[in-house]
Amino acid sequence: MKMATPPKGQALEAVQTEVREWFEANPNLPEKIHPIVLRRFLKCMDYDVKKTKALIELNYNLRNKNTNIYIDRDLDDEKTAQALKASDLVLLPGVTPERHKLLFFRMVDYDPRSRNTEQEAKVFFMVSDTRFTEPDIPLDIDTNLDADEVQRMSDQADADIADGDIHIVDINGYTMRHLAYVSIFVLRVQMKFLQEAYPSRLKAVHIINCPSFLDRMMAMMKPFIREEILQLMHYHTEGLDSLYEKIPRDMLPNEYGGKAGSMTELKAQWIQNMKEKTPYLRDDKYWRITSATKSRWSWF
């Protein structure tokens, strides 16, 4: 589906100002919102102000109903540190030719007892919330350009934000024993948030190194996944050649035939990014609703 053309110039500024002022005055929302995060909400809803406001309210109210996943987070927490060691979760540099951002996940500790669904979900949203404060596509405007060209590039409201996300999930090493350690409650909460309140559109999910029991694994998850999301899922059962047909190979980690860098390097960079954003991630003014009891979304 083709995205709507974003407003420009004064019209864009007016839309952003309207939503920002509404956010700051809304007693059912936190005190503050990062400006790039605000733009992501607007882009996700094609700059429809009414839909953007609804998405924002749902996002923050779901967060506040599940603070253990979305708000109470600390990189130095022992369980969170263990989750970081047990899995690799990285956003890959750049975007695809279709302007999609790639997120790569794999398990590195194959012991089922190392799995903690709540902590893995918490890490995912720490990575996401860190990423959402930064441009997906850094714009290096040439200082030799004339004033009109610089203004034209600046007027492109979302030129530095990806048009959507692609998730690549390597499930090598998963066994039926791992399924016993999955929290159905956390899975339901996480999938609801991703499908209904996330400020970026999911474009595809590629699952690689699929086990023979994939059908049983998906049977557990299907009740929580919308049909339109199921249609975006692609399973690669025989090597990576079929993945290369969908994703530019050079964008993948070195271990998967690409040139993006090793998973160790990519993970270290994202952990460093999260550490630098710790004051933001732990600042209640950006996340916590002080008047949650008045929220019209209190039934979630």
C-alpha atoms as a PDB file:
ATOM      1  CA  MET A   1       0.000   0.000   0.000  1.00  0.00           C
ATOM      2  CA  LYS A   2       1.405   3.365  -1.037  1.00  0.00           C
ATOM      3  CA  MET A   3       1.948   5.767   1.822  1.00  0.00           C
ATOM      4  CA  ALA A   4       0.373   9.213   1.762  1.00  0.00           C
ATOM      5  CA  THR A   5       2.530  12.172   0.794  1.00  0.00           C
ATOM      6  CA  PRO A   6       3.531  13.961   4.015  1.00  0.00           C
ATOM      7  CA  PRO A   7       2.643  17.629   4.463  1.00  0.00           C
ATOM      8  CA  LYS A   8       5.435  20.136   3.933  1.00  0.00           C
ATOM      9  CA  GLY A   9       6.600  23.482   5.229  1.00  0.00           C
ATOM     10  CA  GLN A  10       4.100  25.369   7.359  1.00  0.00           C
ATOM     11  CA  ALA A  11       1.461  22.648   6.993  1.00  0.00           C
ATOM     12  CA  LEU A  12       3.873  20.067   8.416  1.00  0.00           C
ATOM     13  CA  GLU A  13       4.868  22.345  11.270  1.00  0.00           C
ATOM     14  CA  ALA A  14       1.204  22.980  12.079  1.00  0.00           C
ATOM     15  CA  VAL A  15       0.427  19.235  12.233  1.00  0.00           C
ATOM     16  CA  GLN A  16       3.414  18.508  14.466  1.00  0.00           C
ATOM     17  CA  THR A  17       2.584  21.447  16.744  1.00  0.00           C
ATOM     18  CA  GLU A  18      -1.050  20.357  17.053  1.00  0.00           C
ATOM     19  CA  VAL A  19      -0.148  16.814  18.080  1.00  0.00           C
ATOM     20  CA  ARG A  20       2.654  17.924  20.403  1.00  0.00           C
ATOM     21  CA  GLU A  21       0.440  20.446  22.214  1.00  0.00           C
ATOM     22  CA  TRP A  22      -2.353  17.867  22.492  1.00  0.00           C
ATOM     23  CA  PHE A  23       0.132  15.368  23.954  1.00  0.00           C
ATOM     24  CA  GLU A  24       1.485  17.800  26.520  1.00  0.00           C
ATOM     25  CA  ALA A  25      -2.019  18.823  27.647  1.00  0.00           C
ATOM     26  CA  ASN A  26      -3.433  15.290  27.788  1.00  0.00           C
ATOM     27  CA  PRO A  27      -3.681  14.037  31.397  1.00  0.00           C
ATOM     28  CA  ASN A  28      -3.768  10.449  30.152  1.00  0.00           C
ATOM     29  CA  LEU A  29      -0.287  10.655  28.644  1.00  0.00           C
ATOM     30  CA  PRO A  30       3.232  11.153  30.020  1.00  0.00           C
ATOM     31  CA  GLU A  31       4.639  14.657  30.346  1.00  0.00           C
ATOM     32  CA  LYS A  32       7.070  14.474  27.431  1.00  0.00           C
ATOM     33  CA  ILE A  33       7.605  12.853  24.027  1.00  0.00           C
ATOM     34  CA  HIS A  34      10.811  12.777  21.992  1.00  0.00           C
ATOM     35  CA  PRO A  35      10.392  14.854  18.780  1.00  0.00           C
ATOM     36  CA  ILE A  36      11.546  12.048  16.468  1.00  0.00           C
ATOM     37  CA  VAL A  37       9.201   9.604  18.205  1.00  0.00           C
ATOM     38  CA  LEU A  38       6.354  12.049  17.588  1.00  0.00           C
ATOM     39  CA  ARG A  39       7.237  12.161  13.884  1.00  0.00           C
ATOM     40  CA  ARG A  40       7.282   8.358  13.766  1.00  0.00           C
ATOM     41  CA  PHE A  41       3.733   8.194  15.113  1.00  0.00           C
ATOM     42  CA  LEU A  42       2.592  10.706  12.497  1.00  0.00           C
ATOM     43  CA  LYS A  43       4.289   8.873   9.649  1.00  0.00           C
ATOM     44  CA  CYS A  44       2.910   5.510  10.762  1.00  0.00           C
ATOM     45  CA  MET A  45      -0.604   6.946  10.493  1.00  0.00           C
ATOM     46  CA  ASP A  46       0.057   8.779   7.196  1.00  0.00           C
ATOM     47  CA  TYR A  47      -0.176  12.131   9.009  1.00  0.00           C
ATOM     48  CA  ASP A  48      -3.818  11.571   9.884  1.00  0.00           C
ATOM     49  CA  VAL A  49      -4.030  13.545  13.143  1.00  0.00           C
ATOM     50  CA  LYS A  50      -7.039  11.704  14.548  1.00  0.00           C
ATOM     51  CA  LYS A  51      -5.506   8.261  13.920  1.00  0.00           C
ATOM     52  CA  THR A  52      -2.138   9.431  15.234  1.00  0.00           C
ATOM     53  CA  LYS A  53      -3.671  10.553  18.514  1.00  0.00           C
ATOM     54  CA  ALA A  54      -5.469   7.220  18.908  1.00  0.00           C
ATOM     55  CA  LEU A  55      -2.242   5.287  18.265  1.00  0.00           C
ATOM     56  CA  ILE A  56      -0.314   7.391  20.774  1.00  0.00           C
ATOM     57  CA  GLU A  57      -2.941   6.921  23.489  1.00  0.00           C
ATOM     58  CA  LEU A  58      -3.046   3.173  22.949  1.00  0.00           C
ATOM     59  CA  ASN A  59       0.761   2.906  22.937  1.00  0.00           C
ATOM     60  CA  TYR A  60       1.293   4.653  26.251  1.00  0.00           C
ATOM     61  CA  ASN A  61      -1.686   3.129  27.976  1.00  0.00           C
ATOM     62  CA  LEU A  62      -0.619  -0.397  27.060  1.00  0.00           C
ATOM     63  CA  ARG A  63       2.835   0.491  28.361  1.00  0.00           C
ATOM     64  CA  ASN A  64       1.402   1.598  31.664  1.00  0.00           C
ATOM     65  CA  LYS A  65      -0.678  -1.557  32.027  1.00  0.00           C
ATOM     66  CA  ASN A  66       2.496  -3.640  31.652  1.00  0.00           C
ATOM     67  CA  THR A  67       5.203  -1.548  33.282  1.00  0.00           C
ATOM     68  CA  ASN A  68       7.331  -4.630  33.977  1.00  0.00           C
ATOM     69  CA  ILE A  69       7.975  -4.906  30.222  1.00  0.00           C
ATOM     70  CA  TYR A  70       7.765  -1.371  28.862  1.00  0.00           C
ATOM     71  CA  ILE A  71       8.821   1.003  31.650  1.00  0.00           C
ATOM     72  CA  ASP A  72      10.670  -0.637  34.575  1.00  0.00           C
ATOM     73  CA  ARG A  73      13.940  -1.409  32.813  1.00  0.00           C
ATOM     74  CA  ASP A  74      17.598  -1.385  33.710  1.00  0.00           C
ATOM     75  CA  LEU A  75      20.499  -2.678  31.632  1.00  0.00           C
ATOM     76  CA  ASP A  76      22.372  -3.522  34.840  1.00  0.00           C
ATOM     77  CA  ASP A  77      19.549  -5.696  36.164  1.00  0.00           C
ATOM     78  CA  GLU A  78      20.812  -9.282  36.523  1.00  0.00           C
ATOM     79  CA  LYS A  79      17.913 -10.868  34.625  1.00  0.00           C
ATOM     80  CA  THR A  80      18.091  -8.309  31.827  1.00  0.00           C
ATOM     81  CA  ALA A  81      21.845  -8.833  31.529  1.00  0.00           C
ATOM     82  CA  GLN A  82      21.251 -12.576  31.242  1.00  0.00           C
ATOM     83  CA  ALA A  83      18.685 -12.031  28.486  1.00  0.00           C
ATOM     84  CA  LEU A  84      21.202  -9.892  26.597  1.00  0.00           C
ATOM     85  CA  LYS A  85      23.724 -12.727  26.799  1.00  0.00           C
ATOM     86  CA  ALA A  86      21.255 -15.426  25.798  1.00  0.00           C
ATOM     87  CA  SER A  87      20.174 -13.797  22.525  1.00  0.00           C
ATOM     88  CA  ASP A  88      21.397 -11.384  19.872  1.00  0.00           C
ATOM     89  CA  LEU A  89      19.021  -8.602  18.842  1.00  0.00           C
ATOM     90  CA  VAL A  90      20.362  -5.933  16.510  1.00  0.00           C
ATOM     91  CA  LEU A  91      19.148  -3.390  13.997  1.00  0.00           C
ATOM     92  CA  LEU A  92      21.238  -3.626  10.845  1.00  0.00           C
ATOM     93  CA  PRO A  93      22.837  -0.515   9.326  1.00  0.00           C
ATOM     94  CA  GLY A  94      21.042   1.360   6.566  1.00  0.00           C
ATOM     95  CA  VAL A  95      17.722   0.577   4.896  1.00  0.00           C
ATOM     96  CA  THR A  96      16.699  -1.561   1.937  1.00  0.00           C
ATOM     97  CA  PRO A  97      16.041  -0.016  -1.480  1.00  0.00           C
ATOM     98  CA  GLU A  98      12.373   0.028  -0.428  1.00  0.00           C
ATOM     99  CA  ARG A  99      13.370   2.091   2.648  1.00  0.00           C
ATOM    100  CA  HIS A 100      12.766  -0.711   5.149  1.00  0.00           C
ATOM    101  CA  LYS A 101      14.780  -1.163   8.351  1.00  0.00           C
ATOM    102  CA  LEU A 102      16.114  -4.649   9.139  1.00  0.00           C
ATOM    103  CA  LEU A 103      15.980  -6.141  12.625  1.00  0.00           C
ATOM    104  CA  PHE A 104      17.857  -9.406  13.245  1.00  0.00           C
ATOM    105  CA  PHE A 105      17.265 -11.814  16.131  1.00  0.00           C
ATOM    106  CA  ARG A 106      18.922 -15.102  17.028  1.00  0.00           C
ATOM    107  CA  MET A 107      19.426 -17.290  20.074  1.00  0.00           C
ATOM    108  CA  VAL A 108      23.023 -17.833  21.218  1.00  0.00           C
ATOM    109  CA  ASP A 109      22.485 -19.778  24.443  1.00  0.00           C
ATOM    110  CA  TYR A 110      20.643 -22.939  23.436  1.00  0.00           C
ATOM    111  CA  ASP A 111      19.848 -24.069  26.970  1.00  0.00           C
ATOM    112  CA  PRO A 112      16.039 -23.789  27.322  1.00  0.00           C
ATOM    113  CA  ARG A 113      16.493 -22.793  30.969  1.00  0.00           C
ATOM    114  CA  SER A 114      18.201 -19.579  29.821  1.00  0.00           C
ATOM    115  CA  ARG A 115      14.999 -18.323  28.170  1.00  0.00           C
ATOM    116  CA  ASN A 116      13.003 -15.606  29.887  1.00  0.00           C
ATOM    117  CA  THR A 117      10.138 -14.332  27.746  1.00  0.00           C
ATOM    118  CA  GLU A 118       9.530 -11.242  29.869  1.00  0.00           C
ATOM    119  CA  GLN A 119      13.167 -10.153  29.812  1.00  0.00           C
ATOM    120  CA  GLU A 120      13.487 -10.860  26.077  1.00  0.00           C
ATOM    121  CA  ALA A 121      10.434  -8.686  25.436  1.00  0.00           C
ATOM    122  CA  LYS A 122      11.883  -5.984  27.673  1.00  0.00           C
ATOM    123  CA  VAL A 123      15.178  -6.003  25.740  1.00  0.00           C
ATOM    124  CA  PHE A 124      13.318  -5.843  22.421  1.00  0.00           C
ATOM    125  CA  PHE A 125      11.480  -2.685  23.451  1.00  0.00           C
ATOM    126  CA  MET A 126      14.605  -1.132  24.958  1.00  0.00           C
ATOM    127  CA  VAL A 127      16.310  -1.585  21.590  1.00  0.00           C
ATOM    128  CA  SER A 128      13.237  -0.259  19.766  1.00  0.00           C
ATOM    129  CA  ASP A 129      12.798   2.772  22.023  1.00  0.00           C
ATOM    130  CA  THR A 130      16.484   3.602  21.616  1.00  0.00           C
ATOM    131  CA  ARG A 131      16.250   3.267  17.841  1.00  0.00           C
ATOM    132  CA  PHE A 132      13.109   5.414  17.624  1.00  0.00           C
ATOM    133  CA  THR A 133      14.978   8.480  18.925  1.00  0.00           C
ATOM    134  CA  GLU A 134      17.501   8.309  16.071  1.00  0.00           C
ATOM    135  CA  PRO A 135      17.141   8.757  12.303  1.00  0.00           C
ATOM    136  CA  ASP A 136      17.007   5.518  10.337  1.00  0.00           C
ATOM    137  CA  ILE A 137      18.571   7.315   7.390  1.00  0.00           C
ATOM    138  CA  PRO A 138      21.088  10.009   8.409  1.00  0.00           C
ATOM    139  CA  LEU A 139      20.738  12.959   6.060  1.00  0.00           C
ATOM    140  CA  ASP A 140      24.075  14.526   5.172  1.00  0.00           C
ATOM    141  CA  ILE A 141      23.080  17.763   3.516  1.00  0.00           C
ATOM    142  CA  ASP A 142      25.889  19.116   1.343  1.00  0.00           C
ATOM    143  CA  THR A 143      26.787  22.608   2.527  1.00  0.00           C
ATOM    144  CA  ASN A 144      27.586  23.519  -1.091  1.00  0.00           C
ATOM    145  CA  LEU A 145      23.933  23.175  -2.070  1.00  0.00           C
ATOM    146  CA  ASP A 146      22.015  26.365  -2.714  1.00  0.00           C
ATOM    147  CA  ALA A 147      19.459  27.546  -0.179  1.00  0.00           C
ATOM    148  CA  ASP A 148      16.467  26.320  -2.200  1.00  0.00           C
ATOM    149  CA  GLU A 149      17.843  22.758  -2.395  1.00  0.00           C
ATOM    150  CA  VAL A 150      18.627  22.664   1.305  1.00  0.00           C
ATOM    151  CA  GLN A 151      15.091  23.849   2.061  1.00  0.00           C
ATOM    152  CA  ARG A 152      13.635  21.221  -0.280  1.00  0.00           C
ATOM    153  CA  MET A 153      15.449  18.427   1.550  1.00  0.00           C
ATOM    154  CA  SER A 154      14.520  19.840   4.940  1.00  0.00           C
ATOM    155  CA  ASP A 155      10.855  19.948   3.899  1.00  0.00           C
ATOM    156  CA  GLN A 156      10.806  16.184   3.401  1.00  0.00           C
ATOM    157  CA  ALA A 157       9.267  15.462   6.777  1.00  0.00           C
ATOM    158  CA  ASP A 158      10.096  11.806   6.949  1.00  0.00           C
ATOM    159  CA  ALA A 159      13.096  11.458   4.645  1.00  0.00           C
ATOM    160  CA  ASP A 160      15.170  10.199   7.589  1.00  0.00           C
ATOM    161  CA  ILE A 161      12.583   7.661   8.819  1.00  0.00           C
ATOM    162  CA  ALA A 162      12.200   4.172   7.335  1.00  0.00           C
ATOM    163  CA  ASP A 163       8.918   3.304   5.647  1.00  0.00           C
ATOM    164  CA  GLY A 164       8.619   0.128   7.715  1.00  0.00           C
ATOM    165  CA  ASP A 165      10.426  -2.743   9.415  1.00  0.00           C
ATOM    166  CA  ILE A 166      11.514  -6.213   8.334  1.00  0.00           C
ATOM    167  CA  HIS A 167      12.268  -8.788  11.033  1.00  0.00           C
ATOM    168  CA  ILE A 168      14.696 -11.622  10.377  1.00  0.00           C
ATOM    169  CA  VAL A 169      14.527 -14.393  12.972  1.00  0.00           C
ATOM    170  CA  ASP A 170      17.082 -17.200  13.092  1.00  0.00           C
ATOM    171  CA  ILE A 171      15.539 -20.061  15.071  1.00  0.00           C
ATOM    172  CA  ASN A 172      18.505 -22.374  14.782  1.00  0.00           C
ATOM    173  CA  GLY A 173      18.815 -24.383  18.005  1.00  0.00           C
ATOM    174  CA  TYR A 174      15.166 -24.156  19.031  1.00  0.00           C
ATOM    175  CA  THR A 175      13.632 -27.384  20.308  1.00  0.00           C
ATOM    176  CA  MET A 176      10.271 -28.385  21.692  1.00  0.00           C
ATOM    177  CA  ARG A 177      11.745 -27.918  25.183  1.00  0.00           C
ATOM    178  CA  HIS A 178      12.148 -24.202  24.486  1.00  0.00           C
ATOM    179  CA  LEU A 179       8.405 -23.854  23.946  1.00  0.00           C
ATOM    180  CA  ALA A 180       7.799 -24.950  27.535  1.00  0.00           C
ATOM    181  CA  TYR A 181       9.621 -21.812  28.731  1.00  0.00           C
ATOM    182  CA  VAL A 182       7.514 -19.362  26.695  1.00  0.00           C
ATOM    183  CA  SER A 183       5.136 -17.237  28.772  1.00  0.00           C
ATOM    184  CA  ILE A 184       1.784 -17.180  26.977  1.00  0.00           C
ATOM    185  CA  PHE A 185       0.783 -14.047  28.903  1.00  0.00           C
ATOM    186  CA  VAL A 186       3.898 -12.110  27.853  1.00  0.00           C
ATOM    187  CA  LEU A 187       3.578 -13.371  24.281  1.00  0.00           C
ATOM    188  CA  ARG A 188      -0.005 -12.113  24.116  1.00  0.00           C
ATOM    189  CA  VAL A 189       0.933  -8.718  25.569  1.00  0.00           C
ATOM    190  CA  GLN A 190       3.917  -8.309  23.246  1.00  0.00           C
ATOM    191  CA  MET A 191       2.034  -9.318  20.104  1.00  0.00           C
ATOM    192  CA  LYS A 192      -0.859  -6.989  20.916  1.00  0.00           C
ATOM    193  CA  PHE A 193       1.538  -4.076  21.312  1.00  0.00           C
ATOM    194  CA  LEU A 194       3.472  -4.874  18.131  1.00  0.00           C
ATOM    195  CA  GLN A 195       0.337  -5.271  16.039  1.00  0.00           C
ATOM    196  CA  GLU A 196      -1.750  -2.416  17.414  1.00  0.00           C
ATOM    197  CA  ALA A 197       0.445   0.187  19.118  1.00  0.00           C
ATOM    198  CA  TYR A 198       3.906   0.090  17.532  1.00  0.00           C
ATOM    199  CA  PRO A 199       4.916   3.311  15.684  1.00  0.00           C
ATOM    200  CA  SER A 200       6.382   1.538  12.660  1.00  0.00           C
ATOM    201  CA  ARG A 201       4.742  -0.674  10.063  1.00  0.00           C
ATOM    202  CA  LEU A 202       5.800  -4.288   9.807  1.00  0.00           C
ATOM    203  CA  LYS A 203       6.549  -5.138   6.185  1.00  0.00           C
ATOM    204  CA  ALA A 204       7.795  -8.735   6.454  1.00  0.00           C
ATOM    205  CA  VAL A 205       9.048 -11.427   8.832  1.00  0.00           C
ATOM    206  CA  HIS A 206      11.668 -13.859   7.546  1.00  0.00           C
ATOM    207  CA  ILE A 207      12.252 -16.985   9.622  1.00  0.00           C
ATOM    208  CA  ILE A 208      15.441 -18.863   8.799  1.00  0.00           C
ATOM    209  CA  ASN A 209      16.879 -22.242   9.859  1.00  0.00           C
ATOM    210  CA  CYS A 210      13.382 -23.563  10.447  1.00  0.00           C
ATOM    211  CA  PRO A 211      13.105 -26.797  12.490  1.00  0.00           C
ATOM    212  CA  SER A 212      10.984 -29.758  11.504  1.00  0.00           C
ATOM    213  CA  PHE A 213       8.466 -28.942  14.256  1.00  0.00           C
ATOM    214  CA  LEU A 214       7.816 -25.418  12.936  1.00  0.00           C
ATOM    215  CA  ASP A 215       4.123 -26.214  12.454  1.00  0.00           C
ATOM    216  CA  ARG A 216       3.707 -26.998  16.168  1.00  0.00           C
ATOM    217  CA  MET A 217       5.648 -23.879  17.102  1.00  0.00           C
ATOM    218  CA  MET A 218       3.414 -21.686  14.939  1.00  0.00           C
ATOM    219  CA  ALA A 219       0.281 -23.383  16.255  1.00  0.00           C
ATOM    220  CA  MET A 220       1.086 -21.949  19.682  1.00  0.00           C
ATOM    221  CA  MET A 221       1.603 -18.444  18.305  1.00  0.00           C
ATOM    222  CA  LYS A 222      -1.183 -18.213  15.715  1.00  0.00           C
ATOM    223  CA  PRO A 223      -3.947 -17.315  18.192  1.00  0.00           C
ATOM    224  CA  PHE A 224      -2.063 -14.080  18.940  1.00  0.00           C
ATOM    225  CA  ILE A 225      -1.153 -13.127  15.363  1.00  0.00           C
ATOM    226  CA  ARG A 226      -3.508 -11.317  13.032  1.00  0.00           C
ATOM    227  CA  GLU A 227      -4.161 -12.821   9.628  1.00  0.00           C
ATOM    228  CA  GLU A 228      -2.565  -9.874   7.831  1.00  0.00           C
ATOM    229  CA  ILE A 229       0.637 -10.431   9.831  1.00  0.00           C
ATOM    230  CA  LEU A 230       0.619 -14.142   9.066  1.00  0.00           C
ATOM    231  CA  GLN A 231       0.560 -13.211   5.392  1.00  0.00           C
ATOM    232  CA  LEU A 232       3.808 -11.260   5.876  1.00  0.00           C
ATOM    233  CA  MET A 233       5.700 -14.261   7.261  1.00  0.00           C
ATOM    234  CA  HIS A 234       8.186 -16.122   5.065  1.00  0.00           C
ATOM    235  CA  TYR A 235       9.843 -19.412   6.032  1.00  0.00           C
ATOM    236  CA  HIS A 236      13.281 -20.326   4.681  1.00  0.00           C
ATOM    237  CA  THR A 237      13.858 -24.044   5.159  1.00  0.00           C
ATOM    238  CA  GLU A 238      16.734 -24.806   2.789  1.00  0.00           C
ATOM    239  CA  GLY A 239      19.647 -22.424   3.200  1.00  0.00           C
ATOM    240  CA  LEU A 240      19.666 -18.657   2.718  1.00  0.00           C
ATOM    241  CA  ASP A 241      19.395 -18.303  -1.062  1.00  0.00           C
ATOM    242  CA  SER A 242      15.659 -17.641  -0.792  1.00  0.00           C
ATOM    243  CA  LEU A 243      16.370 -14.924   1.805  1.00  0.00           C
ATOM    244  CA  TYR A 244      18.884 -13.266  -0.517  1.00  0.00           C
ATOM    245  CA  GLU A 245      16.077 -12.971  -3.082  1.00  0.00           C
ATOM    246  CA  LYS A 246      14.117 -10.819  -0.623  1.00  0.00           C
ATOM    247  CA  ILE A 247      16.856  -8.936   1.256  1.00  0.00           C
ATOM    248  CA  PRO A 248      20.017  -7.306  -0.163  1.00  0.00           C
ATOM    249  CA  ARG A 249      22.681  -9.805   0.834  1.00  0.00           C
ATOM    250  CA  ASP A 250      25.287  -7.163   1.663  1.00  0.00           C
ATOM    251  CA  MET A 251      22.990  -5.741   4.378  1.00  0.00           C
ATOM    252  CA  LEU A 252      23.124  -8.973   6.402  1.00  0.00           C
ATOM    253  CA  PRO A 253      25.654  -9.766   9.151  1.00  0.00           C
ATOM    254  CA  ASN A 254      28.944 -11.333   8.072  1.00  0.00           C
ATOM    255  CA  GLU A 255      27.936 -14.696   9.530  1.00  0.00           C
ATOM    256  CA  TYR A 256      24.990 -14.816   7.123  1.00  0.00           C
ATOM    257  CA  GLY A 257      26.882 -13.973   3.964  1.00  0.00           C
ATOM    258  CA  GLY A 258      26.598 -10.215   4.228  1.00  0.00           C
ATOM    259  CA  LYS A 259      28.913  -7.261   4.842  1.00  0.00           C
ATOM    260  CA  ALA A 260      27.158  -5.413   7.679  1.00  0.00           C
ATOM    261  CA  GLY A 261      29.731  -6.493  10.261  1.00  0.00           C
ATOM    262  CA  SER A 262      29.857  -9.378  12.699  1.00  0.00           C
ATOM    263  CA  MET A 263      26.982 -10.016  15.093  1.00  0.00           C
ATOM    264  CA  THR A 264      29.395  -9.403  17.966  1.00  0.00           C
ATOM    265  CA  GLU A 265      30.276  -5.947  16.623  1.00  0.00           C
ATOM    266  CA  LEU A 266      26.679  -5.042  15.811  1.00  0.00           C
ATOM    267  CA  LYS A 267      25.439  -6.168  19.224  1.00  0.00           C
ATOM    268  CA  ALA A 268      28.168  -4.269  21.053  1.00  0.00           C
ATOM    269  CA  GLN A 269      27.186  -1.106  19.192  1.00  0.00           C
ATOM    270  CA  TRP A 270      23.521  -1.447  20.134  1.00  0.00           C
ATOM    271  CA  ILE A 271      24.318  -2.160  23.756  1.00  0.00           C
ATOM    272  CA  GLN A 272      26.432   0.989  23.764  1.00  0.00           C
ATOM    273  CA  ASN A 273      23.558   2.918  22.158  1.00  0.00           C
ATOM    274  CA  MET A 274      21.196   1.739  24.892  1.00  0.00           C
ATOM    275  CA  LYS A 275      23.682   2.665  27.606  1.00  0.00           C
ATOM    276  CA  GLU A 276      23.932   6.173  26.193  1.00  0.00           C
ATOM    277  CA  LYS A 277      20.133   6.411  26.148  1.00  0.00           C
ATOM    278  CA  THR A 278      19.717   5.073  29.700  1.00  0.00           C
ATOM    279  CA  PRO A 279      18.672   8.461  31.163  1.00  0.00           C
ATOM    280  CA  TYR A 280      15.960   8.691  28.495  1.00  0.00           C
ATOM    281  CA  LEU A 281      14.815   5.071  28.839  1.00  0.00           C
ATOM    282  CA  ARG A 282      14.494   5.440  32.625  1.00  0.00           C
ATOM    283  CA  ASP A 283      12.967   8.930  32.721  1.00  0.00           C
ATOM    284  CA  ASP A 284       9.374   8.464  33.858  1.00  0.00           C
ATOM    285  CA  LYS A 285       8.403  11.775  32.286  1.00  0.00           C
ATOM    286  CA  TYR A 286       8.657  10.093  28.864  1.00  0.00           C
ATOM    287  CA  TRP A 287       6.772   6.909  29.787  1.00  0.00           C
ATOM    288  CA  ARG A 288       4.661   6.916  32.926  1.00  0.00           C
ATOM    289  CA  ILE A 289       1.103   8.208  33.102  1.00  0.00           C
ATOM    290  CA  THR A 290       0.599   9.911  36.441  1.00  0.00           C
ATOM    291  CA  SER A 291      -3.201   9.930  36.096  1.00  0.00           C
ATOM    292  CA  ALA A 292      -3.521   6.341  34.861  1.00  0.00           C
ATOM    293  CA  THR A 293      -6.660   5.782  36.921  1.00  0.00           C
ATOM    294  CA  LYS A 294      -8.471   8.365  34.783  1.00  0.00           C
ATOM    295  CA  SER A 295      -7.492   6.702  31.530  1.00  0.00           C
ATOM    296  CA  ARG A 296     -10.326   5.756  29.224  1.00  0.00           C
ATOM    297  CA  TRP A 297      -8.173   2.763  28.169  1.00  0.00           C
ATOM    298  CA  SER A 298      -8.158   1.312  31.686  1.00  0.00           C
ATOM    299  CA  TRP A 299      -9.860  -1.885  30.562  1.00  0.00           C
ATOM    300  CA  PHE A 300      -6.654  -3.108  28.817  1.00  0.00           C
END
